[in-house]
PDB file of all heavy atoms in Angstrom:
ATOM      1  N   HIS A   1       0.871  -1.176   0.000  1.00  0.00           N
ATOM      2  CA  HIS A   1       0.000   0.000   0.000  1.00  0.00           C
ATOM      3  C   HIS A   1       0.906   1.224   0.000  1.00  0.00           C
ATOM      4  O   HIS A   1       1.745   1.363   0.890  1.00  0.00           O
ATOM      5  CB  HIS A   1      -0.872   0.059   1.259  1.00  0.00           C
ATOM      6  CG  HIS A   1      -1.856  -1.053   1.379  1.00  0.00           C
ATOM      7  ND1 HIS A   1      -2.949  -1.190   0.553  1.00  0.00           N
ATOM      8  CD2 HIS A   1      -1.927  -2.091   2.250  1.00  0.00           C
ATOM      9  CE1 HIS A   1      -3.635  -2.242   0.905  1.00  0.00           C
ATOM     10  NE2 HIS A   1      -3.033  -2.821   1.932  1.00  0.00           N
ATOM     11  N   ALA A   2       0.742   2.110  -0.992  1.00  0.00           N
ATOM     12  CA  ALA A   2       1.587   3.306  -1.102  1.00  0.00           C
ATOM     13  C   ALA A   2       0.734   4.567  -1.090  1.00  0.00           C
ATOM     14  O   ALA A   2      -0.441   4.547  -1.478  1.00  0.00           O
ATOM     15  CB  ALA A   2       2.404   3.262  -2.390  1.00  0.00           C
ATOM     16  N   ILE A   3       1.369   5.655  -0.667  1.00  0.00           N
ATOM     17  CA  ILE A   3       0.788   6.998  -0.740  1.00  0.00           C
ATOM     18  C   ILE A   3       1.829   7.903  -1.394  1.00  0.00           C
ATOM     19  O   ILE A   3       2.994   7.913  -0.979  1.00  0.00           O
ATOM     20  CB  ILE A   3       0.431   7.558   0.655  1.00  0.00           C
ATOM     21  CG1 ILE A   3      -0.576   6.657   1.357  1.00  0.00           C
ATOM     22  CG2 ILE A   3      -0.109   8.990   0.539  1.00  0.00           C
ATOM     23  CD1 ILE A   3      -0.831   7.038   2.796  1.00  0.00           C
ATOM     24  N   TYR A   4       1.410   8.664  -2.405  1.00  0.00           N
ATOM     25  CA  TYR A   4       2.311   9.582  -3.101  1.00  0.00           C
ATOM     26  C   TYR A   4       2.307  10.940  -2.400  1.00  0.00           C
ATOM     27  O   TYR A   4       1.250  11.521  -2.174  1.00  0.00           O
ATOM     28  CB  TYR A   4       1.905   9.723  -4.574  1.00  0.00           C
ATOM     29  CG  TYR A   4       2.191   8.452  -5.323  1.00  0.00           C
ATOM     30  CD1 TYR A   4       1.230   7.465  -5.460  1.00  0.00           C
ATOM     31  CD2 TYR A   4       3.461   8.212  -5.828  1.00  0.00           C
ATOM     32  CE1 TYR A   4       1.511   6.275  -6.105  1.00  0.00           C
ATOM     33  CE2 TYR A   4       3.754   7.019  -6.478  1.00  0.00           C
ATOM     34  CZ  TYR A   4       2.776   6.061  -6.614  1.00  0.00           C
ATOM     35  OH  TYR A   4       3.073   4.874  -7.237  1.00  0.00           O
ATOM     36  N   HIS A   5       3.492  11.430  -2.068  1.00  0.00           N
ATOM     37  CA  HIS A   5       3.622  12.683  -1.317  1.00  0.00           C
ATOM     38  C   HIS A   5       4.109  13.859  -2.159  1.00  0.00           C
ATOM     39  O   HIS A   5       3.724  14.993  -1.905  1.00  0.00           O
ATOM     40  CB  HIS A   5       4.582  12.488  -0.140  1.00  0.00           C
ATOM     41  CG  HIS A   5       4.128  11.420   0.789  1.00  0.00           C
ATOM     42  ND1 HIS A   5       3.099  11.589   1.679  1.00  0.00           N
ATOM     43  CD2 HIS A   5       4.555  10.147   0.947  1.00  0.00           C
ATOM     44  CE1 HIS A   5       2.904  10.462   2.352  1.00  0.00           C
ATOM     45  NE2 HIS A   5       3.771   9.577   1.929  1.00  0.00           N
ATOM     46  N   ASP A   6       4.978  13.593  -3.128  1.00  0.00           N
ATOM     47  CA  ASP A   6       5.567  14.673  -3.930  1.00  0.00           C
ATOM     48  C   ASP A   6       5.808  14.129  -5.325  1.00  0.00           C
ATOM     49  O   ASP A   6       6.452  13.082  -5.487  1.00  0.00           O
ATOM     50  CB  ASP A   6       6.891  15.117  -3.295  1.00  0.00           C
ATOM     51  CG  ASP A   6       7.543  16.263  -4.060  1.00  0.00           C
ATOM     52  OD1 ASP A   6       6.904  17.332  -4.180  1.00  0.00           O
ATOM     53  OD2 ASP A   6       8.683  16.084  -4.522  1.00  0.00           O
ATOM     54  N   ILE A   7       5.275  14.812  -6.327  1.00  0.00           N
ATOM     55  CA  ILE A   7       5.463  14.403  -7.715  1.00  0.00           C
ATOM     56  C   ILE A   7       5.843  15.641  -8.513  1.00  0.00           C
ATOM     57  O   ILE A   7       5.094  16.623  -8.546  1.00  0.00           O
ATOM     58  CB  ILE A   7       4.180  13.776  -8.299  1.00  0.00           C
ATOM     59  CG1 ILE A   7       3.806  12.500  -7.520  1.00  0.00           C
ATOM     60  CG2 ILE A   7       4.362  13.481  -9.786  1.00  0.00           C
ATOM     61  CD1 ILE A   7       2.461  11.907  -7.907  1.00  0.00           C
ATOM     62  N   VAL A   8       7.012  15.598  -9.132  1.00  0.00           N
ATOM     63  CA  VAL A   8       7.455  16.646 -10.046  1.00  0.00           C
ATOM     64  C   VAL A   8       7.621  15.961 -11.396  1.00  0.00           C
ATOM     65  O   VAL A   8       8.524  15.131 -11.566  1.00  0.00           O
ATOM     66  CB  VAL A   8       8.777  17.302  -9.585  1.00  0.00           C
ATOM     67  CG1 VAL A   8       9.201  18.368 -10.581  1.00  0.00           C
ATOM     68  CG2 VAL A   8       8.633  17.877  -8.183  1.00  0.00           C
ATOM     69  N   GLU A   9       6.753  16.283 -12.335  1.00  0.00           N
ATOM     70  CA  GLU A   9       6.710  15.592 -13.617  1.00  0.00           C
ATOM     71  C   GLU A   9       8.097  15.503 -14.256  1.00  0.00           C
ATOM     72  O   GLU A   9       8.822  16.501 -14.361  1.00  0.00           O
ATOM     73  CB  GLU A   9       5.742  16.294 -14.570  1.00  0.00           C
ATOM     74  CG  GLU A   9       5.517  15.519 -15.852  1.00  0.00           C
ATOM     75  CD  GLU A   9       4.409  16.110 -16.711  1.00  0.00           C
ATOM     76  OE1 GLU A   9       3.798  17.109 -16.308  1.00  0.00           O
ATOM     77  OE2 GLU A   9       4.177  15.548 -17.788  1.00  0.00           O
ATOM     78  N   ASN A  10       8.446  14.285 -14.648  1.00  0.00           N
ATOM     79  CA  ASN A  10       9.698  13.965 -15.337  1.00  0.00           C
ATOM     80  C   ASN A  10      10.953  14.178 -14.491  1.00  0.00           C
ATOM     81  O   ASN A  10      12.065  14.072 -15.013  1.00  0.00           O
ATOM     82  CB  ASN A  10       9.826  14.738 -16.650  1.00  0.00           C
ATOM     83  CG  ASN A  10       8.665  14.479 -17.586  1.00  0.00           C
ATOM     84  OD1 ASN A  10       8.081  13.396 -17.584  1.00  0.00           O
ATOM     85  ND2 ASN A  10       8.314  15.470 -18.372  1.00  0.00           N
ATOM     86  N   GLU A  11      10.790  14.461 -13.176  1.00  0.00           N
ATOM     87  CA  GLU A  11      11.951  14.719 -12.323  1.00  0.00           C
ATOM     88  C   GLU A  11      11.994  13.907 -11.034  1.00  0.00           C
ATOM     89  O   GLU A  11      13.045  13.401 -10.659  1.00  0.00           O
ATOM     90  CB  GLU A  11      12.005  16.209 -11.936  1.00  0.00           C
ATOM     91  CG  GLU A  11      12.290  17.138 -13.081  1.00  0.00           C
ATOM     92  CD  GLU A  11      12.351  18.582 -12.626  1.00  0.00           C
ATOM     93  OE1 GLU A  11      12.623  18.842 -11.432  1.00  0.00           O
ATOM     94  OE2 GLU A  11      12.117  19.464 -13.468  1.00  0.00           O
ATOM     95  N   ARG A  12      10.856  13.824 -10.336  1.00  0.00           N
ATOM     96  CA  ARG A  12      10.923  13.228  -8.991  1.00  0.00           C
ATOM     97  C   ARG A  12       9.572  12.648  -8.582  1.00  0.00           C
ATOM     98  O   ARG A  12       8.522  13.205  -8.871  1.00  0.00           O
ATOM     99  CB  ARG A  12      11.333  14.301  -7.988  1.00  0.00           C
ATOM    100  CG  ARG A  12      11.474  13.813  -6.565  1.00  0.00           C
ATOM    101  CD  ARG A  12      11.958  14.892  -5.602  1.00  0.00           C
ATOM    102  NE  ARG A  12      11.026  16.003  -5.490  1.00  0.00           N
ATOM    103  CZ  ARG A  12      11.338  17.270  -5.748  1.00  0.00           C
ATOM    104  NH1 ARG A  12      12.562  17.606  -6.108  1.00  0.00           N
ATOM    105  NH2 ARG A  12      10.440  18.226  -5.619  1.00  0.00           N
ATOM    106  N   ILE A  13       9.651  11.516  -7.844  1.00  0.00           N
ATOM    107  CA  ILE A  13       8.481  10.881  -7.251  1.00  0.00           C
ATOM    108  C   ILE A  13       8.877  10.500  -5.822  1.00  0.00           C
ATOM    109  O   ILE A  13       9.885   9.824  -5.620  1.00  0.00           O
ATOM    110  CB  ILE A  13       8.062   9.611  -8.018  1.00  0.00           C
ATOM    111  CG1 ILE A  13       7.822   9.915  -9.501  1.00  0.00           C
ATOM    112  CG2 ILE A  13       6.835   8.963  -7.364  1.00  0.00           C
ATOM    113  CD1 ILE A  13       7.753   8.687 -10.388  1.00  0.00           C
ATOM    114  N   VAL A  14       8.093  10.956  -4.834  1.00  0.00           N
ATOM    115  CA  VAL A  14       8.343  10.597  -3.433  1.00  0.00           C
ATOM    116  C   VAL A  14       7.072   9.942  -2.900  1.00  0.00           C
ATOM    117  O   VAL A  14       5.984  10.515  -3.014  1.00  0.00           O
ATOM    118  CB  VAL A  14       8.708  11.825  -2.571  1.00  0.00           C
ATOM    119  CG1 VAL A  14       8.936  11.407  -1.125  1.00  0.00           C
ATOM    120  CG2 VAL A  14       9.941  12.534  -3.130  1.00  0.00           C
ATOM    121  N   TYR A  15       7.230   8.757  -2.344  1.00  0.00           N
ATOM    122  CA  TYR A  15       6.077   8.024  -1.816  1.00  0.00           C
ATOM    123  C   TYR A  15       6.497   7.212  -0.596  1.00  0.00           C
ATOM    124  O   TYR A  15       7.668   6.882  -0.419  1.00  0.00           O
ATOM    125  CB  TYR A  15       5.475   7.101  -2.881  1.00  0.00           C
ATOM    126  CG  TYR A  15       6.445   6.084  -3.450  1.00  0.00           C
ATOM    127  CD1 TYR A  15       6.475   4.770  -2.971  1.00  0.00           C
ATOM    128  CD2 TYR A  15       7.338   6.432  -4.461  1.00  0.00           C
ATOM    129  CE1 TYR A  15       7.366   3.845  -3.484  1.00  0.00           C
ATOM    130  CE2 TYR A  15       8.234   5.513  -4.974  1.00  0.00           C
ATOM    131  CZ  TYR A  15       8.241   4.218  -4.492  1.00  0.00           C
ATOM    132  OH  TYR A  15       9.127   3.308  -4.999  1.00  0.00           O
ATOM    133  N   SER A  16       5.525   6.936   0.252  1.00  0.00           N
ATOM    134  CA  SER A  16       5.761   6.024   1.366  1.00  0.00           C
ATOM    135  C   SER A  16       4.924   4.785   1.097  1.00  0.00           C
ATOM    136  O   SER A  16       3.890   4.846   0.416  1.00  0.00           O
ATOM    137  CB  SER A  16       5.379   6.667   2.699  1.00  0.00           C
ATOM    138  OG  SER A  16       4.030   7.046   2.708  1.00  0.00           O
ATOM    139  N   TYR A  17       5.385   3.651   1.617  1.00  0.00           N
ATOM    140  CA  TYR A  17       4.609   2.431   1.433  1.00  0.00           C
ATOM    141  C   TYR A  17       4.857   1.442   2.558  1.00  0.00           C
ATOM    142  O   TYR A  17       5.899   1.458   3.200  1.00  0.00           O
ATOM    143  CB  TYR A  17       4.891   1.797   0.071  1.00  0.00           C
ATOM    144  CG  TYR A  17       6.239   1.136  -0.100  1.00  0.00           C
ATOM    145  CD1 TYR A  17       6.365  -0.249   0.012  1.00  0.00           C
ATOM    146  CD2 TYR A  17       7.379   1.880  -0.398  1.00  0.00           C
ATOM    147  CE1 TYR A  17       7.600  -0.865  -0.167  1.00  0.00           C
ATOM    148  CE2 TYR A  17       8.598   1.268  -0.576  1.00  0.00           C
ATOM    149  CZ  TYR A  17       8.704  -0.111  -0.460  1.00  0.00           C
ATOM    150  OH  TYR A  17       9.918  -0.721  -0.639  1.00  0.00           O
ATOM    151  N   GLU A  18       3.842   0.622   2.793  1.00  0.00           N
ATOM    152  CA  GLU A  18       3.979  -0.467   3.742  1.00  0.00           C
ATOM    153  C   GLU A  18       3.892  -1.773   2.980  1.00  0.00           C
ATOM    154  O   GLU A  18       3.182  -1.873   1.970  1.00  0.00           O
ATOM    155  CB  GLU A  18       2.915  -0.401   4.842  1.00  0.00           C
ATOM    156  CG  GLU A  18       1.501  -0.619   4.367  1.00  0.00           C
ATOM    157  CD  GLU A  18       0.488  -0.666   5.510  1.00  0.00           C
ATOM    158  OE1 GLU A  18       0.872  -0.677   6.689  1.00  0.00           O
ATOM    159  OE2 GLU A  18      -0.714  -0.704   5.190  1.00  0.00           O
ATOM    160  N   MET A  19       4.658  -2.754   3.448  1.00  0.00           N
ATOM    161  CA  MET A  19       4.632  -4.104   2.885  1.00  0.00           C
ATOM    162  C   MET A  19       4.072  -5.036   3.949  1.00  0.00           C
ATOM    163  O   MET A  19       4.501  -4.993   5.105  1.00  0.00           O
ATOM    164  CB  MET A  19       6.033  -4.569   2.489  1.00  0.00           C
ATOM    165  CG  MET A  19       6.621  -3.855   1.303  1.00  0.00           C
ATOM    166  SD  MET A  19       5.743  -4.143  -0.250  1.00  0.00           S
ATOM    167  CE  MET A  19       5.866  -5.910  -0.431  1.00  0.00           C
ATOM    168  N   LEU A  20       3.103  -5.855   3.527  1.00  0.00           N
ATOM    169  CA  LEU A  20       2.522  -6.852   4.411  1.00  0.00           C
ATOM    170  C   LEU A  20       2.752  -8.239   3.817  1.00  0.00           C
ATOM    171  O   LEU A  20       2.715  -8.395   2.586  1.00  0.00           O
ATOM    172  CB  LEU A  20       1.019  -6.618   4.581  1.00  0.00           C
ATOM    173  CG  LEU A  20       0.641  -5.314   5.287  1.00  0.00           C
ATOM    174  CD1 LEU A  20       0.420  -4.202   4.290  1.00  0.00           C
ATOM    175  CD2 LEU A  20      -0.579  -5.510   6.134  1.00  0.00           C
ATOM    176  N   LEU A  21       2.995  -9.205   4.662  1.00  0.00           N
ATOM    177  CA  LEU A  21       3.152 -10.589   4.247  1.00  0.00           C
ATOM    178  C   LEU A  21       2.071 -11.378   4.965  1.00  0.00           C
ATOM    179  O   LEU A  21       2.030 -11.406   6.203  1.00  0.00           O
ATOM    180  CB  LEU A  21       4.543 -11.100   4.616  1.00  0.00           C
ATOM    181  CG  LEU A  21       4.907 -12.490   4.119  1.00  0.00           C
ATOM    182  CD1 LEU A  21       4.874 -12.547   2.591  1.00  0.00           C
ATOM    183  CD2 LEU A  21       6.292 -12.877   4.623  1.00  0.00           C
ATOM    184  N   ASP A  22       1.157 -11.953   4.188  1.00  0.00           N
ATOM    185  CA  ASP A  22      -0.003 -12.648   4.747  1.00  0.00           C
ATOM    186  C   ASP A  22      -0.740 -11.780   5.763  1.00  0.00           C
ATOM    187  O   ASP A  22      -1.164 -12.238   6.823  1.00  0.00           O
ATOM    188  CB  ASP A  22       0.416 -13.984   5.376  1.00  0.00           C
ATOM    189  CG  ASP A  22       0.861 -14.997   4.335  1.00  0.00           C
ATOM    190  OD1 ASP A  22       0.382 -14.920   3.184  1.00  0.00           O
ATOM    191  OD2 ASP A  22       1.683 -15.870   4.673  1.00  0.00           O
ATOM    192  N   GLY A  23      -0.860 -10.492   5.460  1.00  0.00           N
ATOM    193  CA  GLY A  23      -1.602  -9.562   6.297  1.00  0.00           C
ATOM    194  C   GLY A  23      -0.829  -8.968   7.464  1.00  0.00           C
ATOM    195  O   GLY A  23      -1.339  -8.112   8.174  1.00  0.00           O
ATOM    196  N   ARG A  24       0.415  -9.387   7.662  1.00  0.00           N
ATOM    197  CA  ARG A  24       1.235  -8.877   8.775  1.00  0.00           C
ATOM    198  C   ARG A  24       2.224  -7.841   8.247  1.00  0.00           C
ATOM    199  O   ARG A  24       2.979  -8.116   7.315  1.00  0.00           O
ATOM    200  CB  ARG A  24       2.003 -10.037   9.411  1.00  0.00           C
ATOM    201  CG  ARG A  24       2.838  -9.616  10.590  1.00  0.00           C
ATOM    202  CD  ARG A  24       3.422 -10.852  11.296  1.00  0.00           C
ATOM    203  NE  ARG A  24       4.615 -10.427  11.996  1.00  0.00           N
ATOM    204  CZ  ARG A  24       5.809 -10.950  11.836  1.00  0.00           C
ATOM    205  NH1 ARG A  24       6.002 -11.952  11.013  1.00  0.00           N
ATOM    206  NH2 ARG A  24       6.823 -10.489  12.518  1.00  0.00           N
ATOM    207  N   ARG A  25       2.214  -6.635   8.839  1.00  0.00           N
ATOM    208  CA  ARG A  25       3.105  -5.565   8.384  1.00  0.00           C
ATOM    209  C   ARG A  25       4.554  -5.975   8.629  1.00  0.00           C
ATOM    210  O   ARG A  25       4.954  -6.314   9.727  1.00  0.00           O
ATOM    211  CB  ARG A  25       2.805  -4.254   9.100  1.00  0.00           C
ATOM    212  CG  ARG A  25       3.682  -3.099   8.580  1.00  0.00           C
ATOM    213  CD  ARG A  25       3.385  -1.756   9.230  1.00  0.00           C
ATOM    214  NE  ARG A  25       2.018  -1.345   8.993  1.00  0.00           N
ATOM    215  CZ  ARG A  25       1.079  -1.285   9.941  1.00  0.00           C
ATOM    216  NH1 ARG A  25       1.346  -1.600  11.175  1.00  0.00           N
ATOM    217  NH2 ARG A  25      -0.141  -0.898   9.638  1.00  0.00           N
ATOM    218  N   MET A  26       5.359  -5.917   7.550  1.00  0.00           N
ATOM    219  CA  MET A  26       6.770  -6.271   7.625  1.00  0.00           C
ATOM    220  C   MET A  26       7.673  -5.040   7.599  1.00  0.00           C
ATOM    221  O   MET A  26       8.770  -5.064   8.141  1.00  0.00           O
ATOM    222  CB  MET A  26       7.156  -7.189   6.456  1.00  0.00           C
ATOM    223  CG  MET A  26       6.324  -8.466   6.396  1.00  0.00           C
ATOM    224  SD  MET A  26       6.491  -9.500   7.855  1.00  0.00           S
ATOM    225  CE  MET A  26       8.111 -10.151   7.608  1.00  0.00           C
ATOM    226  N   SER A  27       7.194  -3.966   6.939  1.00  0.00           N
ATOM    227  CA  SER A  27       8.032  -2.772   6.827  1.00  0.00           C
ATOM    228  C   SER A  27       7.191  -1.576   6.406  1.00  0.00           C
ATOM    229  O   SER A  27       6.095  -1.724   5.863  1.00  0.00           O
ATOM    230  CB  SER A  27       9.150  -2.987   5.809  1.00  0.00           C
ATOM    231  OG  SER A  27       8.605  -3.120   4.509  1.00  0.00           O
TER     232      SER A  27
END
């Protein structure tokens, strides 16, 4: 699951995301 925080077209993308394994948050 990701959320985009900063987007500068053709230059930069900043996003945060969580990774889950079988429903358990890993990172």
